[in-house]
Amino acid sequence: MPKTAIEKILSSHARKSLQAGQVGICKVDFCFSQDGTTALVIDGVSQLNESLKNPKKYAMFIDHSSPSPNIGVSGVHSRMREFTARNKNVLFDVGCGISHQLVIEEGFAAPGSLILGADSHTSTAGALGAAAFGVGSTDLAVTLLTGKNWFKVPHTYKLVIKGKLPRGVYSKDVILWIIHTLGAHGATYKAVEFTGETIAALSLDARFTITNMTIEFGAKCGLITPDGKVFSYLGKTKKKGYTPYGADKKCSYEKVIEFDVSKLPPYVARPHTVDNGAPIEDVEGIKINQAFLGTCTNGRLDDLRIAATMLKGRRTHPEVKFLIAPASQRVFLEALQRGIIKVFLEAGGLILPPGCGPCVGTHQGVPADGEVVISTANRNFKGRMGNPRSFIYLASPATVTASAIAGRITDPRKYMKK
């Protein structure tokens, strides 16, 4: 029987044929957790039997509160280091970067692999054709001890994205528009396959933005069938031993939905939900106090390059705090070598250590009461950046940068060459 991509991947890891709706016990290729979820993972492992099945296939990341903002978090970081010393698993310490970026950079993700992460945005790796699921800390602990877990195979939505992106419009605008159109629960517990000419034309950095945010409309995972861009990237990293999967031509999709981006304007998510989207003209002119460029959604080299191109020769607004956090140390170094960091500093930007930075609201850029932030992050819920009495707008790196220059939410096309 013809299968979708997720049916193929889970079948291969269960070593039996599975269809949507069926349950299988699957071998997991890689697991990870971050400093916001690892304490519960450690507790779970300790309560059961502190003996990891495959220590080198489990990585911990100190990224959410990096460096530590208080004594309590420092204690969690210390526990992570002690656990790693005992169990010989992998640890990425302060300053290495964000888990989702490092999972890709360090070669833990590959086409056809099955990944579990104790973080909502684990689905990022789906841009390489991996089945990557966010799970709870207890589920992860069980997997670490057994090397397996149970999965109910999701039904699949196929999203066909057509058209050439207009000037000033990027993958972040596309995914914000899709989330607004489908709603926050529009694909609950579905696998989402992204396809079409628009997806094919995107860089890998841009594709990661798409798959990163699939959880924001309820999806279990997002997948893009591996193509030449993926294979070229994996060739450079010398990654071997993977099996790419694509959907069969006559497979059964629960829904097929088409989006034409050829006339899409820059798009923004308004407070306090990600699906509260609007075209730029509906929000243009709103005064901002802070702009943030970074996160697992848009802290990659492509994103920094877009912003630096707009900022070169300009200054940010004197009443706006413009914070920039590269997604990893490698991204930071490349941006430094290309002169991108220099542009940010000369424009009045503030460079933060590689990591999640202000996104989670534990430190670094917590807004004051009533302040308005425009951010490249993936969530804008009340209190997301540390203050429930502030207001967060989500947008592309270009829109965030234009707004930082103008001091108000601004159409990025005003600062772009025609």
Protein backbone atom coordinates (compact mmCIF):
# COMPACT_ATOMS: atom_id res chain seq x y z
CA MET A 1 0.00 0.00 0.00
CA PRO A 2 1.37 3.48 -0.90
CA LYS A 3 2.68 5.41 2.10
CA THR A 4 3.28 8.99 3.21
CA ALA A 5 6.76 10.01 4.33
CA ILE A 6 5.97 9.69 8.04
CA GLU A 7 4.41 6.24 7.50
CA LYS A 8 7.62 5.12 5.76
CA ILE A 9 9.95 6.48 8.44
CA LEU A 10 8.02 5.01 11.36
CA SER A 11 7.57 1.69 9.54
CA SER A 12 11.31 1.44 8.97
CA HIS A 13 12.01 2.09 12.66
CA ALA A 14 9.32 -0.35 13.82
CA ARG A 15 10.51 -2.97 11.32
CA LYS A 16 6.91 -3.57 10.33
CA SER A 17 4.44 -1.90 7.98
CA LEU A 18 2.50 0.90 9.68
CA GLN A 19 -0.33 3.09 8.41
CA ALA A 20 -1.75 6.30 9.83
CA GLY A 21 -3.66 5.66 13.05
CA GLN A 22 -1.72 2.51 13.93
CA VAL A 23 0.67 2.21 16.88
CA GLY A 24 4.19 0.88 16.63
CA ILE A 25 7.22 0.45 18.89
CA CYS A 26 10.06 2.23 17.11
CA LYS A 27 13.80 2.38 17.60
CA VAL A 28 14.88 5.99 18.12
CA ASP A 29 18.07 7.29 16.50
CA PHE A 30 18.77 10.33 18.67
CA CYS A 31 17.41 12.10 21.76
CA PHE A 32 18.07 15.50 23.27
CA SER A 33 16.92 17.88 26.00
CA GLN A 34 17.70 21.43 27.04
CA ASP A 35 18.25 23.16 30.37
CA GLY A 36 14.56 23.92 30.76
CA THR A 37 13.53 20.26 30.50
CA THR A 38 16.59 18.21 31.50
CA ALA A 39 16.08 18.26 35.28
CA LEU A 40 12.92 16.17 34.85
CA VAL A 41 14.73 13.86 32.43
CA ILE A 42 17.47 13.28 35.03
CA ASP A 43 14.83 12.64 37.70
CA GLY A 44 13.06 10.13 35.46
CA VAL A 45 16.24 8.25 34.62
CA SER A 46 17.29 8.18 38.28
CA GLN A 47 13.92 6.83 39.45
CA LEU A 48 13.95 4.01 36.91
CA ASN A 49 17.54 2.90 36.40
CA GLU A 50 20.37 5.26 35.66
CA SER A 51 21.87 3.33 32.80
CA LEU A 52 21.53 4.88 29.37
CA LYS A 53 21.00 2.52 26.43
CA ASN A 54 23.07 4.63 24.01
CA PRO A 55 24.83 7.51 25.81
CA LYS A 56 26.36 8.94 22.63
CA LYS A 57 22.89 9.21 21.11
CA TYR A 58 21.72 11.56 23.83
CA ALA A 59 22.73 15.21 23.95
CA MET A 60 22.01 17.87 26.56
CA PHE A 61 22.04 21.55 25.57
CA ILE A 62 22.48 24.53 27.86
CA ASP A 63 20.77 27.10 25.66
CA HIS A 64 17.59 28.48 27.23
CA SER A 65 19.29 30.28 30.13
CA SER A 66 22.80 30.67 28.82
CA PRO A 67 24.67 31.99 30.73
CA SER A 68 22.76 31.30 33.93
CA PRO A 69 20.67 34.19 35.27
CA ASN A 70 20.27 32.93 38.85
CA ILE A 71 21.32 30.38 41.48
CA GLY A 72 18.48 27.96 40.72
CA VAL A 73 19.36 27.69 37.03
CA SER A 74 23.04 27.37 37.92
CA GLY A 75 22.10 24.34 39.99
CA VAL A 76 20.34 22.77 36.99
CA HIS A 77 23.38 23.39 34.81
CA SER A 78 25.59 21.80 37.46
CA ARG A 79 23.35 18.70 37.55
CA MET A 80 23.60 18.40 33.78
CA ARG A 81 27.39 18.51 33.88
CA GLU A 82 27.50 15.94 36.70
CA PHE A 83 25.09 13.61 34.88
CA THR A 84 27.22 13.82 31.73
CA ALA A 85 30.40 13.06 33.67
CA ARG A 86 28.78 9.88 35.04
CA ASN A 87 26.94 8.68 31.95
CA LYS A 88 29.26 9.81 29.13
CA ASN A 89 26.43 11.32 27.06
CA VAL A 90 26.99 14.47 24.98
CA LEU A 91 26.81 17.97 26.51
CA PHE A 92 26.83 21.33 24.74
CA ASP A 93 27.60 23.90 27.39
CA VAL A 94 27.07 27.65 27.69
CA GLY A 95 27.78 29.53 24.46
CA CYS A 96 27.60 26.58 22.06
CA GLY A 97 24.19 27.59 20.77
CA ILE A 98 20.59 26.47 20.43
CA SER A 99 19.74 22.77 20.48
CA HIS A 100 17.79 22.75 17.20
CA GLN A 101 20.61 24.46 15.32
CA LEU A 102 23.29 22.21 16.82
CA VAL A 103 21.31 19.02 16.15
CA ILE A 104 21.68 19.96 12.47
CA GLU A 105 25.23 21.37 12.54
CA GLU A 106 26.66 18.46 14.52
CA GLY A 107 25.19 15.82 12.20
CA PHE A 108 22.68 14.27 14.60
CA ALA A 109 19.84 14.73 12.07
CA ALA A 110 19.67 13.09 8.66
CA PRO A 111 17.02 12.07 6.12
CA GLY A 112 14.92 9.21 7.43
CA SER A 113 16.13 9.46 11.02
CA LEU A 114 13.81 9.39 14.03
CA ILE A 115 14.54 12.03 16.66
CA LEU A 116 12.93 12.81 20.01
CA GLY A 117 13.58 16.10 21.77
CA ALA A 118 12.26 17.45 25.05
CA ASP A 119 11.42 20.73 23.35
CA SER A 120 8.42 21.89 21.32
CA HIS A 121 10.41 22.91 18.26
CA THR A 122 12.21 19.61 17.69
CA SER A 123 10.39 19.49 14.34
CA THR A 124 13.04 21.85 12.92
CA ALA A 125 15.09 18.84 11.74
CA GLY A 126 12.21 17.86 9.45
CA ALA A 127 13.69 20.19 6.83
CA LEU A 128 16.34 17.50 6.30
CA GLY A 129 13.68 14.81 5.95
CA ALA A 130 13.94 13.56 9.54
CA ALA A 131 10.91 12.62 11.64
CA ALA A 132 11.54 14.84 14.67
CA PHE A 133 9.03 14.89 17.52
CA GLY A 134 8.84 17.05 20.61
CA VAL A 135 8.01 14.95 23.69
CA GLY A 136 7.76 15.28 27.45
CA SER A 137 10.72 14.70 29.72
CA THR A 138 9.35 11.41 31.08
CA ASP A 139 8.87 10.00 27.58
CA LEU A 140 12.42 10.99 26.79
CA ALA A 141 13.73 9.30 29.95
CA VAL A 142 12.01 6.04 28.97
CA THR A 143 13.56 6.24 25.51
CA LEU A 144 17.02 6.85 26.96
CA LEU A 145 16.77 3.65 28.99
CA THR A 146 15.26 1.44 26.29
CA GLY A 147 16.32 2.98 22.98
CA LYS A 148 12.67 2.81 21.86
CA ASN A 149 9.26 4.38 22.32
CA TRP A 150 5.71 3.90 21.09
CA PHE A 151 4.26 6.06 18.34
CA LYS A 152 0.78 6.52 16.97
CA VAL A 153 1.38 7.20 13.29
CA PRO A 154 -0.03 10.65 12.42
CA HIS A 155 -2.27 11.30 9.46
CA THR A 156 -0.64 13.66 6.98
CA TYR A 157 -1.53 17.04 5.55
CA LYS A 158 0.21 18.00 2.32
CA LEU A 159 0.77 21.74 1.97
CA VAL A 160 1.64 22.78 -1.57
CA ILE A 161 3.33 26.20 -1.60
CA LYS A 162 3.33 27.81 -5.03
CA GLY A 163 4.64 31.03 -6.54
CA LYS A 164 7.76 33.17 -6.36
CA LEU A 165 8.30 35.09 -3.13
CA PRO A 166 7.84 38.83 -3.70
CA ARG A 167 10.54 41.31 -2.72
CA GLY A 168 10.74 41.71 1.05
CA VAL A 169 8.88 38.45 1.74
CA TYR A 170 10.63 35.44 3.32
CA SER A 171 9.89 32.00 4.69
CA LYS A 172 8.90 33.49 8.06
CA ASP A 173 6.17 35.51 6.34
CA VAL A 174 4.97 32.34 4.61
CA ILE A 175 4.71 30.25 7.76
CA LEU A 176 3.02 33.07 9.72
CA TRP A 177 0.46 33.34 6.93
CA ILE A 178 -0.13 29.58 6.92
CA ILE A 179 -0.59 29.53 10.70
CA HIS A 180 -3.04 32.45 10.51
CA THR A 181 -4.97 30.72 7.73
CA LEU A 182 -5.19 27.29 9.37
CA GLY A 183 -5.40 28.45 13.00
CA ALA A 184 -3.49 27.39 16.10
CA HIS A 185 -5.20 23.97 16.09
CA GLY A 186 -5.41 23.58 12.33
CA ALA A 187 -3.21 20.49 12.10
CA THR A 188 -3.30 18.99 15.58
CA TYR A 189 -1.36 15.69 15.77
CA LYS A 190 -0.80 15.67 12.01
CA ALA A 191 2.41 15.22 10.07
CA VAL A 192 2.74 18.08 7.60
CA GLU A 193 4.58 17.63 4.31
CA PHE A 194 5.68 20.92 2.76
CA THR A 195 6.18 20.81 -0.99
CA GLY A 196 5.88 22.94 -4.12
CA GLU A 197 8.05 25.29 -6.14
CA THR A 198 8.36 27.84 -3.34
CA ILE A 199 9.80 25.29 -0.92
CA ALA A 200 12.17 23.96 -3.58
CA ALA A 201 13.56 27.47 -4.14
CA LEU A 202 14.25 28.12 -0.44
CA SER A 203 17.69 27.78 1.11
CA LEU A 204 18.09 25.22 3.91
CA ASP A 205 18.22 28.03 6.47
CA ALA A 206 14.85 29.27 5.20
CA ARG A 207 13.36 25.77 5.23
CA PHE A 208 14.32 25.31 8.88
CA THR A 209 12.15 28.34 9.68
CA ILE A 210 9.18 26.58 8.08
CA THR A 211 9.53 23.24 9.86
CA ASN A 212 10.46 24.91 13.16
CA MET A 213 7.02 26.50 13.44
CA THR A 214 4.82 23.54 12.53
CA ILE A 215 4.02 23.01 16.20
CA GLU A 216 2.42 26.48 16.19
CA PHE A 217 -0.56 25.14 14.26
CA GLY A 218 -0.70 21.91 16.22
CA ALA A 219 1.30 19.58 14.00
CA LYS A 220 3.25 16.66 15.42
CA CYS A 221 6.06 17.16 12.91
CA GLY A 222 6.91 18.90 9.66
CA LEU A 223 8.71 17.26 6.76
CA ILE A 224 10.34 18.39 3.54
CA THR A 225 11.43 15.66 1.14
CA PRO A 226 15.25 15.73 0.81
CA ASP A 227 16.57 17.14 -2.47
CA GLY A 228 19.89 18.19 -3.99
CA LYS A 229 20.34 21.04 -1.51
CA VAL A 230 20.05 18.63 1.40
CA PHE A 231 22.38 16.05 -0.15
CA SER A 232 24.94 18.75 -0.98
CA TYR A 233 24.89 20.00 2.61
CA LEU A 234 25.23 16.48 4.02
CA GLY A 235 28.10 15.82 1.62
CA LYS A 236 29.99 18.78 3.06
CA THR A 237 29.44 17.46 6.58
CA LYS A 238 30.49 13.97 5.43
CA LYS A 239 27.29 12.51 6.85
CA LYS A 240 26.72 8.94 5.67
CA GLY A 241 24.46 5.97 6.30
CA TYR A 242 21.07 7.63 5.98
CA THR A 243 17.96 6.64 3.98
CA PRO A 244 15.82 9.45 2.53
CA TYR A 245 12.08 8.91 2.27
CA GLY A 246 9.51 10.69 0.16
CA ALA A 247 5.79 10.09 -0.11
CA ASP A 248 4.53 7.61 -2.69
CA LYS A 249 2.60 9.16 -5.57
CA LYS A 250 -0.67 7.42 -4.71
CA CYS A 251 -0.43 7.71 -0.93
CA SER A 252 -3.42 8.83 1.10
CA TYR A 253 -3.34 12.36 2.52
CA GLU A 254 -5.98 13.50 4.98
CA LYS A 255 -5.87 16.95 3.36
CA VAL A 256 -4.08 18.66 0.49
CA ILE A 257 -4.00 22.44 0.84
CA GLU A 258 -2.49 24.89 -1.66
CA PHE A 259 -1.02 28.32 -0.90
CA ASP A 260 0.02 30.83 -3.57
CA VAL A 261 2.64 33.26 -2.20
CA SER A 262 3.12 35.30 -5.37
CA LYS A 263 1.15 38.26 -3.95
CA LEU A 264 1.90 37.74 -0.25
CA PRO A 265 2.97 40.91 1.60
CA PRO A 266 5.29 40.88 4.63
CA TYR A 267 3.30 39.24 7.42
CA VAL A 268 3.20 39.81 11.18
CA ALA A 269 1.69 37.90 14.12
CA ARG A 270 0.05 40.26 16.60
CA PRO A 271 -0.17 39.73 20.37
CA HIS A 272 -0.93 37.37 22.03
CA THR A 273 -1.21 34.35 19.72
CA VAL A 274 0.84 33.16 16.77
CA ASP A 275 -2.25 32.71 14.59
CA ASN A 276 -3.32 36.34 15.12
CA GLY A 277 -1.68 37.28 11.83
CA ALA A 278 -1.98 40.33 9.63
CA PRO A 279 -0.35 41.87 6.55
CA ILE A 280 2.20 44.57 7.31
CA GLU A 281 -0.13 47.41 6.33
CA ASP A 282 -2.51 46.49 9.16
CA VAL A 283 0.13 46.99 11.87
CA GLU A 284 2.53 49.48 10.30
CA GLY A 285 3.30 52.50 12.46
CA ILE A 286 2.96 50.85 15.88
CA LYS A 287 5.74 52.21 18.11
CA ILE A 288 8.22 49.62 19.39
CA ASN A 289 10.67 49.61 22.30
CA GLN A 290 12.70 46.52 21.45
CA ALA A 291 13.60 44.43 18.41
CA PHE A 292 15.05 40.94 18.64
CA LEU A 293 16.81 39.01 15.88
CA GLY A 294 17.66 35.40 16.70
CA THR A 295 16.13 32.19 18.16
CA CYS A 296 15.87 28.67 16.73
CA THR A 297 13.51 30.12 14.12
CA ASN A 298 15.61 32.93 12.66
CA GLY A 299 19.09 33.09 14.19
CA ARG A 300 20.92 31.51 11.25
CA LEU A 301 23.45 33.02 8.87
CA ASP A 302 20.86 33.78 6.17
CA ASP A 303 18.80 35.71 8.72
CA LEU A 304 21.75 37.72 10.00
CA ARG A 305 22.85 38.47 6.44
CA ILE A 306 19.40 39.80 5.49
CA ALA A 307 19.41 42.13 8.48
CA ALA A 308 22.99 43.33 7.96
CA THR A 309 22.33 44.16 4.30
CA MET A 310 19.50 46.46 5.37
CA LEU A 311 21.44 47.97 8.27
CA LYS A 312 24.68 48.77 6.45
CA GLY A 313 25.23 52.52 6.55
CA ARG A 314 22.22 53.06 8.83
CA ARG A 315 21.60 53.36 12.57
CA THR A 316 18.87 51.81 14.67
CA HIS A 317 16.35 54.17 16.23
CA PRO A 318 17.75 55.74 19.43
CA GLU A 319 14.70 54.66 21.45
CA VAL A 320 14.87 51.01 20.33
CA LYS A 321 16.96 48.25 21.90
CA PHE A 322 18.05 45.99 19.02
CA LEU A 323 19.24 42.60 20.35
CA ILE A 324 20.91 39.99 18.16
CA ALA A 325 21.60 36.39 19.23
CA PRO A 326 23.26 34.03 16.72
CA ALA A 327 21.82 30.51 16.80
CA SER A 328 25.21 28.88 17.37
CA GLN A 329 28.87 29.61 17.89
CA ARG A 330 29.52 28.51 14.32
CA VAL A 331 26.96 30.99 13.00
CA PHE A 332 28.50 33.68 15.22
CA LEU A 333 32.00 33.01 13.86
CA GLU A 334 30.85 32.99 10.24
CA ALA A 335 28.97 36.24 10.76
CA LEU A 336 32.07 37.71 12.37
CA GLN A 337 34.31 36.63 9.49
CA ARG A 338 31.89 38.09 6.91
CA GLY A 339 31.74 41.46 8.66
CA ILE A 340 28.09 41.03 9.64
CA ILE A 341 28.72 41.46 13.37
CA LYS A 342 30.62 44.69 12.70
CA VAL A 343 27.61 46.06 10.81
CA PHE A 344 25.33 45.29 13.74
CA LEU A 345 27.62 46.94 16.27
CA GLU A 346 28.14 50.04 14.14
CA ALA A 347 24.38 50.35 13.68
CA GLY A 348 23.75 50.30 17.44
CA GLY A 349 22.87 46.64 17.87
CA LEU A 350 23.70 44.59 20.96
CA ILE A 351 25.20 41.13 20.37
CA LEU A 352 24.17 38.38 22.80
CA PRO A 353 25.85 34.99 23.32
CA PRO A 354 24.72 32.15 21.03
CA GLY A 355 21.56 30.72 22.56
CA CYS A 356 17.86 31.33 23.01
CA GLY A 357 18.39 34.76 24.55
CA PRO A 358 15.27 36.87 25.23
CA CYS A 359 12.88 34.37 23.60
CA VAL A 360 12.07 32.39 26.77
CA GLY A 361 12.02 35.35 29.13
CA THR A 362 14.37 34.13 31.83
CA HIS A 363 16.96 36.84 31.19
CA GLN A 364 18.48 39.03 28.47
CA GLY A 365 15.98 41.61 27.32
CA VAL A 366 12.90 41.16 29.50
CA PRO A 367 10.58 44.03 28.44
CA ALA A 368 9.05 46.51 30.89
CA ASP A 369 5.32 46.88 31.50
CA GLY A 370 3.59 48.12 28.37
CA GLU A 371 6.63 47.80 26.15
CA VAL A 372 6.23 46.55 22.59
CA VAL A 373 8.67 44.06 21.11
CA ILE A 374 9.02 42.87 17.53
CA SER A 375 10.84 39.55 17.34
CA THR A 376 11.85 36.78 14.97
CA ALA A 377 10.89 34.19 17.61
CA ASN A 378 8.21 31.55 17.16
CA ARG A 379 5.87 32.46 20.03
CA ASN A 380 4.27 35.64 21.35
CA PHE A 381 2.08 34.40 24.19
CA LYS A 382 1.59 36.59 27.25
CA GLY A 383 4.72 36.43 29.37
CA ARG A 384 6.73 34.61 26.72
CA MET A 385 9.61 37.08 27.00
CA GLY A 386 9.29 37.37 30.76
CA ASN A 387 6.57 40.00 31.24
CA PRO A 388 2.84 39.29 30.74
CA ARG A 389 2.21 43.04 30.60
CA SER A 390 4.28 43.54 27.43
CA PHE A 391 3.27 43.01 23.80
CA ILE A 392 5.13 40.80 21.32
CA TYR A 393 4.81 40.92 17.53
CA LEU A 394 6.43 38.21 15.40
CA ALA A 395 7.94 38.94 12.01
CA SER A 396 10.73 38.11 9.58
CA PRO A 397 14.33 39.28 10.09
CA ALA A 398 13.73 41.93 7.41
CA THR A 399 10.62 43.34 9.08
CA VAL A 400 12.26 43.26 12.52
CA THR A 401 15.30 45.12 11.17
CA ALA A 402 13.25 47.73 9.33
CA SER A 403 11.27 48.33 12.51
CA ALA A 404 14.45 48.69 14.57
CA ILE A 405 15.62 51.40 12.15
CA ALA A 406 12.31 53.27 12.06
CA GLY A 407 11.31 52.85 15.70
CA ARG A 408 7.91 51.61 14.55
CA ILE A 409 6.65 48.46 12.87
CA THR A 410 7.67 49.11 9.28
CA ASP A 411 7.40 47.52 5.84
CA PRO A 412 10.92 46.19 5.11
CA ARG A 413 10.60 47.05 1.43
CA LYS A 414 11.19 50.69 2.36
CA TYR A 415 14.80 49.81 3.17
CA MET A 416 15.43 47.49 0.23
CA LYS A 417 16.75 48.14 -3.23
CA LYS A 418 14.22 47.60 -6.00
